[in-house]
Amino acid sequence: MASPRPSVSMKDVAALAGVSVGTVSNVLNSPALVSDATRARVEKAIAKLGWVRNESARQLRAGRSRSIGIVVMDVANPFFTDIVSGVEDYVHNLGYSVQLGNSAQQTEREAAHLKLFEQHRVRGLLFAPISEVGQRVVELRRHGIPVVIVDRAAKDAPYCSVAVDDVEGGRLAVDHLVDHGHCNIAFVGGPMTIQQVRDRHFGAQLALSQLGDSGHLRTIATARLDTGSGAVAAGDLVALPAGERPTAVFAANDLLAIGLLQGFITNGISVPDEISLIGYDDIEFAAAAAVPLSSIRQPRHALGMRAAELLFAEIEALDNDAPHEHEHIEFRPDLVVRRSTSRCKCDEGR
């Protein structure tokens, strides 16, 4: 059995090129310090030997990582994949990599990812928490790892944050339904331990309060923010007596709305003729649904870009021992109207 081929080192490259190890290092890290002819010899030696720099070892010697971490609630939700895309677009030209942790809406997995990123000493962390931010973030910052909270307003907190005004988003959604004559509306979403869900629910309540006693918001809490939970909620609504069934539903995100739509169609309930339906996030699948979904649009890619920008501003301040002022960015959501919402039939003849 043949022995494994010994790994090629920087010393081997230097010997073949006839230069010092320091010169090879300059070619890689400070090429302007090396003449064109010398640089060409080193690059030719690298190509001939097939040498690849051990980036992990280099970072270990330098005492700092060239990667950042991001922990999201559910990587299966296109909302979060679009945020990650925005982050990657920002860090790509900086020579950094992005390590992704998916908490899958489980607090134990979330804690495990945070601990792992702390052990790996990532240069910074973007964090979309399930519930409260917690002590772990304090510990990360104590170890020199800056943290930016994503998709969660954190005004006056001792860290940066980037979010969308979810109270305003909830208000926009239900205002749209009220403007179309709906007064018996269901809110579907959960768990309520998630701040974004609570804020969207509160915005819905504010919008419906304009109707006084004639407005009714039925709240159906879900265990998760996914299509399966939406389908279950649809079954609960269909099971209600026709006179009690809401004429419109506001889902806390588009995955729930898609599950609700599937459940209604399966049970012979027409959207929007019998029940209007509006979601939240405006993911790509919303427009492509069997009945294109009205939704509240969040600037997902911009959220990721802005969060990464804030993170690297804090990293630079730490590197230069400079003061850093935490920023709390809040985007405004937009209403996108499609075919899943229409005027309430109960409003006909008014």
Protein backbone atom coordinates (compact mmCIF):
# COMPACT_ATOMS: atom_id res chain seq x y z
CA MET A 1 0.00 0.00 0.00
CA ALA A 2 1.43 3.37 -1.05
CA SER A 3 2.28 5.86 1.65
CA PRO A 4 0.24 9.06 1.64
CA ARG A 5 1.87 11.89 -0.25
CA PRO A 6 3.49 14.35 2.18
CA SER A 7 1.86 17.77 2.21
CA VAL A 8 3.62 20.57 0.42
CA SER A 9 4.74 23.46 2.63
CA MET A 10 5.60 27.10 2.09
CA LYS A 11 9.25 26.11 2.53
CA ASP A 12 8.96 23.80 -0.50
CA VAL A 13 7.54 26.66 -2.56
CA ALA A 14 10.36 28.97 -1.44
CA ALA A 15 13.03 26.35 -2.29
CA LEU A 16 11.65 25.73 -5.78
CA ALA A 17 11.35 29.44 -6.51
CA GLY A 18 14.77 30.17 -5.07
CA VAL A 19 13.48 32.76 -2.58
CA SER A 20 12.98 33.04 1.16
CA VAL A 21 9.81 31.98 3.00
CA GLY A 22 9.30 35.67 3.80
CA THR A 23 9.23 36.49 0.11
CA VAL A 24 6.57 33.84 -0.50
CA SER A 25 4.56 35.39 2.34
CA ASN A 26 4.91 38.83 0.75
CA VAL A 27 3.70 37.50 -2.60
CA LEU A 28 0.56 36.22 -0.86
CA ASN A 29 -0.11 39.10 1.52
CA SER A 30 1.74 42.18 0.22
CA PRO A 31 2.45 41.59 -3.49
CA ALA A 32 3.35 45.25 -4.06
CA LEU A 33 6.55 44.65 -2.05
CA VAL A 34 7.80 42.03 -4.54
CA SER A 35 9.11 42.58 -8.06
CA ASP A 36 7.08 41.26 -10.98
CA ALA A 37 9.79 38.73 -11.90
CA THR A 38 10.03 37.32 -8.36
CA ARG A 39 6.28 37.19 -8.00
CA ALA A 40 6.02 35.27 -11.27
CA ARG A 41 8.61 32.69 -10.08
CA VAL A 42 6.76 32.16 -6.79
CA GLU A 43 3.37 31.83 -8.50
CA LYS A 44 4.87 29.32 -10.96
CA ALA A 45 6.27 27.27 -8.05
CA ILE A 46 2.90 27.34 -6.28
CA ALA A 47 1.14 26.11 -9.41
CA LYS A 48 3.73 23.35 -10.05
CA LEU A 49 3.61 22.02 -6.49
CA GLY A 50 -0.14 22.44 -6.15
CA TRP A 51 0.35 24.19 -2.83
CA VAL A 52 -2.71 25.61 -1.04
CA ARG A 53 -2.29 27.96 1.87
CA ASN A 54 -3.53 26.63 5.22
CA GLU A 55 -5.82 29.50 6.05
CA SER A 56 -6.86 28.03 9.41
CA ALA A 57 -3.23 27.83 10.57
CA ARG A 58 -2.55 31.36 9.33
CA GLN A 59 -5.54 32.73 11.23
CA LEU A 60 -4.50 30.82 14.34
CA ARG A 61 -1.05 32.40 14.22
CA ALA A 62 -2.57 35.84 13.64
CA GLY A 63 -4.97 35.32 16.54
CA ARG A 64 -8.05 36.36 14.54
CA SER A 65 -10.54 34.70 12.23
CA ARG A 66 -11.50 35.72 8.69
CA SER A 67 -15.06 34.53 9.12
CA ILE A 68 -18.25 35.78 10.71
CA GLY A 69 -21.14 33.72 12.04
CA ILE A 70 -24.86 34.14 11.49
CA VAL A 71 -27.55 32.30 13.44
CA VAL A 72 -31.08 32.38 11.99
CA MET A 73 -34.36 30.99 13.23
CA ASP A 74 -35.19 28.84 10.23
CA VAL A 75 -32.99 28.40 7.17
CA ALA A 76 -35.94 26.70 5.42
CA ASN A 77 -37.69 30.07 5.38
CA PRO A 78 -36.67 32.01 2.23
CA PHE A 79 -36.86 35.21 4.29
CA PHE A 80 -33.71 34.19 6.16
CA THR A 81 -31.91 32.81 3.10
CA ASP A 82 -32.40 36.20 1.45
CA ILE A 83 -30.92 37.92 4.52
CA VAL A 84 -27.91 35.58 4.39
CA SER A 85 -27.52 36.40 0.68
CA GLY A 86 -27.34 40.09 1.56
CA VAL A 87 -24.70 39.37 4.22
CA GLU A 88 -22.59 37.32 1.82
CA ASP A 89 -22.79 40.00 -0.88
CA TYR A 90 -21.38 42.51 1.59
CA VAL A 91 -18.55 40.40 3.04
CA HIS A 92 -17.43 38.79 -0.24
CA ASN A 93 -15.18 41.68 -1.28
CA LEU A 94 -13.74 41.91 2.23
CA GLY A 95 -12.19 38.46 1.99
CA TYR A 96 -14.36 37.01 4.74
CA SER A 97 -16.47 33.87 4.81
CA VAL A 98 -19.89 33.37 6.42
CA GLN A 99 -20.60 30.43 8.72
CA LEU A 100 -24.32 29.70 9.00
CA GLY A 101 -26.08 28.26 12.06
CA ASN A 102 -29.74 27.21 11.80
CA SER A 103 -31.55 27.15 15.14
CA ALA A 104 -34.64 25.60 13.47
CA GLN A 105 -36.80 27.46 16.02
CA GLN A 106 -35.23 25.38 18.83
CA THR A 107 -33.64 27.23 21.76
CA GLU A 108 -31.24 24.35 22.48
CA ARG A 109 -29.86 24.42 18.94
CA GLU A 110 -29.61 28.19 19.07
CA ALA A 111 -27.53 28.03 22.26
CA ALA A 112 -25.31 25.31 20.78
CA HIS A 113 -24.57 27.41 17.66
CA LEU A 114 -23.73 30.47 19.73
CA LYS A 115 -21.37 28.44 21.90
CA LEU A 116 -19.68 26.90 18.86
CA PHE A 117 -19.14 30.28 17.22
CA GLU A 118 -17.71 31.58 20.47
CA GLN A 119 -15.27 28.65 20.62
CA HIS A 120 -14.24 29.26 17.01
CA ARG A 121 -13.67 32.93 17.84
CA VAL A 122 -15.45 34.26 14.77
CA ARG A 123 -14.69 37.94 14.14
CA GLY A 124 -18.32 38.89 14.63
CA LEU A 125 -21.82 37.45 14.83
CA LEU A 126 -25.18 38.28 13.27
CA PHE A 127 -27.98 36.85 15.35
CA ALA A 128 -31.73 36.47 14.68
CA PRO A 129 -32.92 35.25 18.11
CA ILE A 130 -35.92 33.06 18.80
CA SER A 131 -36.87 34.80 22.04
CA GLU A 132 -34.84 36.96 24.40
CA VAL A 133 -31.27 37.82 23.44
CA GLY A 134 -29.92 36.31 26.66
CA GLN A 135 -26.65 36.13 28.54
CA ARG A 136 -24.81 34.35 25.74
CA VAL A 137 -24.59 37.55 23.71
CA VAL A 138 -23.05 39.31 26.72
CA GLU A 139 -20.43 36.55 26.92
CA LEU A 140 -19.64 36.79 23.22
CA ARG A 141 -19.06 40.51 23.50
CA ARG A 142 -16.91 40.00 26.61
CA HIS A 143 -14.64 37.81 24.47
CA GLY A 144 -14.28 40.55 21.87
CA ILE A 145 -16.87 39.18 19.44
CA PRO A 146 -19.23 41.98 18.38
CA VAL A 147 -22.87 41.03 17.84
CA VAL A 148 -25.55 42.64 15.68
CA ILE A 149 -29.15 41.58 16.29
CA VAL A 150 -31.04 40.95 13.05
CA ASP A 151 -34.82 41.07 12.47
CA ARG A 152 -35.45 42.30 16.00
CA ALA A 153 -35.74 45.91 17.14
CA ALA A 154 -33.39 46.55 20.05
CA LYS A 155 -33.59 50.26 20.76
CA ASP A 156 -31.28 51.50 23.53
CA ALA A 157 -29.63 48.03 23.77
CA PRO A 158 -25.82 47.81 24.17
CA TYR A 159 -25.40 46.34 20.67
CA CYS A 160 -26.42 47.25 17.11
CA SER A 161 -29.65 46.00 15.58
CA VAL A 162 -31.39 45.93 12.21
CA ALA A 163 -35.11 45.25 11.92
CA VAL A 164 -38.36 46.11 10.20
CA ASP A 165 -41.19 47.90 12.04
CA ASP A 166 -43.36 44.84 12.61
CA VAL A 167 -46.04 46.75 14.51
CA GLU A 168 -46.46 48.94 11.44
CA GLY A 169 -46.46 45.82 9.24
CA GLY A 170 -49.26 44.23 11.25
CA ARG A 171 -51.21 47.45 11.10
CA LEU A 172 -50.76 47.69 7.31
CA ALA A 173 -52.02 44.13 6.82
CA VAL A 174 -55.19 44.52 8.85
CA ASP A 175 -55.84 48.08 7.63
CA HIS A 176 -55.93 46.58 4.14
CA LEU A 177 -58.49 43.98 5.26
CA VAL A 178 -60.60 46.55 7.13
CA ASP A 179 -60.55 48.83 4.08
CA HIS A 180 -62.09 45.90 2.17
CA GLY A 181 -64.97 45.61 4.63
CA HIS A 182 -63.63 42.81 6.85
CA CYS A 183 -64.33 43.10 10.58
CA ASN A 184 -64.17 39.42 11.65
CA ILE A 185 -60.48 38.63 11.15
CA ALA A 186 -58.19 35.84 12.34
CA PHE A 187 -54.52 36.26 13.21
CA VAL A 188 -52.51 33.06 12.74
CA GLY A 189 -48.99 32.89 14.13
CA GLY A 190 -46.72 31.74 16.89
CA PRO A 191 -45.18 30.97 19.20
CA MET A 192 -45.97 34.27 20.90
CA THR A 193 -42.56 34.12 22.58
CA ILE A 194 -41.17 35.41 19.26
CA GLN A 195 -41.05 39.20 19.41
CA GLN A 196 -41.82 39.64 15.73
CA VAL A 197 -45.03 37.62 16.09
CA ARG A 198 -46.11 39.65 19.12
CA ASP A 199 -45.40 42.92 17.31
CA ARG A 200 -47.36 41.90 14.20
CA HIS A 201 -50.25 40.76 16.40
CA PHE A 202 -50.19 44.08 18.25
CA GLY A 203 -50.22 45.99 14.97
CA ALA A 204 -53.24 43.94 13.88
CA GLN A 205 -55.03 44.84 17.12
CA LEU A 206 -54.28 48.54 16.61
CA ALA A 207 -55.72 48.45 13.10
CA LEU A 208 -58.88 46.63 14.15
CA SER A 209 -59.44 48.93 17.12
CA GLN A 210 -60.68 51.60 14.70
CA LEU A 211 -63.86 49.55 14.33
CA GLY A 212 -64.60 49.63 18.05
CA ASP A 213 -66.92 46.90 19.27
CA SER A 214 -67.78 45.82 15.73
CA GLY A 215 -64.28 44.50 15.11
CA HIS A 216 -63.19 41.04 16.24
CA LEU A 217 -59.69 39.51 16.08
CA ARG A 218 -59.53 35.77 16.62
CA THR A 219 -56.00 34.64 17.52
CA ILE A 220 -54.85 31.16 16.55
CA ALA A 221 -51.42 30.42 18.03
CA THR A 222 -49.16 28.04 16.11
CA ALA A 223 -46.27 25.94 17.37
CA ARG A 224 -44.06 26.96 14.43
CA LEU A 225 -43.91 29.45 11.58
CA ASP A 226 -44.12 26.95 8.72
CA THR A 227 -46.51 25.59 6.10
CA GLY A 228 -47.50 22.58 8.19
CA SER A 229 -48.65 24.80 11.03
CA GLY A 230 -50.58 26.91 8.55
CA ALA A 231 -52.39 23.85 7.20
CA VAL A 232 -53.36 22.82 10.75
CA ALA A 233 -54.69 26.32 11.44
CA ALA A 234 -56.73 26.17 8.23
CA GLY A 235 -58.38 22.99 9.50
CA ASP A 236 -59.25 24.74 12.78
CA LEU A 237 -60.85 27.64 10.91
CA VAL A 238 -62.76 25.41 8.48
CA ALA A 239 -64.16 23.46 11.44
CA LEU A 240 -65.86 26.60 12.81
CA PRO A 241 -69.57 27.09 12.10
CA ALA A 242 -70.03 29.15 8.95
CA GLY A 243 -71.47 32.06 10.93
CA GLU A 244 -68.43 32.23 13.21
CA ARG A 245 -65.76 31.70 10.59
CA PRO A 246 -63.61 34.80 9.95
CA THR A 247 -63.93 36.40 6.55
CA ALA A 248 -60.21 37.20 6.44
CA VAL A 249 -56.94 35.84 7.84
CA PHE A 250 -53.67 37.61 8.55
CA ALA A 251 -50.78 35.13 8.76
CA ALA A 252 -47.63 36.10 10.66
CA ASN A 253 -45.45 34.99 7.74
CA ASP A 254 -45.80 33.76 4.17
CA LEU A 255 -45.00 30.13 4.96
CA LEU A 256 -48.00 30.05 7.29
CA ALA A 257 -50.08 31.80 4.63
CA ILE A 258 -49.11 29.22 2.00
CA GLY A 259 -50.06 26.40 4.40
CA LEU A 260 -53.37 28.12 5.12
CA LEU A 261 -54.03 28.50 1.39
CA GLN A 262 -53.33 24.82 0.79
CA GLY A 263 -55.60 23.87 3.69
CA PHE A 264 -58.45 26.05 2.48
CA ILE A 265 -58.21 24.71 -1.08
CA THR A 266 -58.14 21.11 0.19
CA ASN A 267 -61.31 21.77 2.20
CA GLY A 268 -63.12 23.45 -0.68
CA ILE A 269 -62.87 26.98 0.72
CA SER A 270 -62.33 29.58 -1.99
CA VAL A 271 -59.66 32.26 -1.52
CA PRO A 272 -60.52 35.13 -1.64
CA ASP A 273 -64.24 34.61 -2.39
CA GLU A 274 -64.96 33.00 1.00
CA ILE A 275 -61.85 33.96 2.98
CA SER A 276 -59.34 36.67 2.17
CA LEU A 277 -55.74 35.88 3.12
CA ILE A 278 -52.67 38.06 3.62
CA GLY A 279 -49.17 36.97 4.64
CA TYR A 280 -45.95 38.63 5.74
CA ASP A 281 -42.40 38.83 4.27
CA ASP A 282 -43.32 38.75 0.55
CA ILE A 283 -41.00 35.84 -0.20
CA GLU A 284 -40.71 34.76 -3.83
CA PHE A 285 -43.19 31.90 -3.31
CA ALA A 286 -45.93 34.38 -2.30
CA ALA A 287 -46.35 35.67 -5.84
CA ALA A 288 -46.07 32.12 -7.26
CA ALA A 289 -48.74 30.55 -5.01
CA ALA A 290 -51.85 28.91 -6.50
CA VAL A 291 -53.63 32.12 -5.58
CA PRO A 292 -50.95 34.88 -5.56
CA LEU A 293 -50.71 36.12 -1.99
CA SER A 294 -51.08 39.64 -0.75
CA SER A 295 -48.26 40.20 1.71
CA ILE A 296 -46.26 42.68 3.74
CA ARG A 297 -42.90 43.16 2.05
CA GLN A 298 -39.71 43.30 4.08
CA PRO A 299 -36.42 44.45 2.44
CA ARG A 300 -34.74 41.11 3.16
CA HIS A 301 -31.54 41.55 1.14
CA ALA A 302 -31.09 45.10 2.45
CA LEU A 303 -31.53 43.82 6.01
CA GLY A 304 -28.59 41.47 5.53
CA MET A 305 -26.41 44.08 3.83
CA ARG A 306 -27.06 46.71 6.50
CA ALA A 307 -26.49 44.23 9.35
CA ALA A 308 -23.12 43.20 7.89
CA GLU A 309 -22.16 46.84 7.41
CA LEU A 310 -22.88 47.60 11.08
CA LEU A 311 -20.95 44.52 12.18
CA PHE A 312 -17.81 45.42 10.24
CA ALA A 313 -17.97 49.01 11.44
CA GLU A 314 -17.79 47.67 15.00
CA ILE A 315 -15.03 45.20 14.08
CA GLU A 316 -12.98 48.06 12.62
CA ALA A 317 -13.53 50.14 15.76
CA LEU A 318 -12.33 47.24 17.93
CA ASP A 319 -9.26 46.69 15.75
CA ASN A 320 -8.32 50.35 16.06
CA ASP A 321 -9.28 50.70 19.72
CA ALA A 322 -11.69 53.44 18.63
CA PRO A 323 -15.05 54.40 20.14
CA HIS A 324 -18.15 52.86 18.58
CA GLU A 325 -21.69 54.15 18.79
CA HIS A 326 -24.35 51.46 18.48
CA GLU A 327 -26.96 52.03 15.79
CA HIS A 328 -30.52 50.70 15.66
CA ILE A 329 -31.82 50.63 12.11
CA GLU A 330 -35.53 50.12 11.49
CA PHE A 331 -36.87 49.73 7.94
CA ARG A 332 -40.50 50.39 7.03
CA PRO A 333 -42.53 47.54 5.50
CA ASP A 334 -44.71 47.87 2.39
CA LEU A 335 -48.10 46.44 1.48
CA VAL A 336 -48.16 44.27 -1.66
CA VAL A 337 -51.69 43.53 -2.92
CA ARG A 338 -52.38 40.45 -5.02
CA ARG A 339 -55.36 38.18 -5.70
CA SER A 340 -55.71 36.54 -2.25
CA THR A 341 -57.56 39.53 -0.75
CA SER A 342 -60.81 41.03 -1.92
CA ARG A 343 -63.84 42.94 -0.62
CA CYS A 344 -65.82 41.16 2.06
CA LYS A 345 -69.11 39.78 0.75
CA CYS A 346 -70.72 40.96 3.98
CA ASP A 347 -69.93 44.50 2.80
CA GLU A 348 -71.97 44.17 -0.38
CA GLY A 349 -74.92 46.44 -0.53
CA ARG A 350 -73.58 48.95 2.00
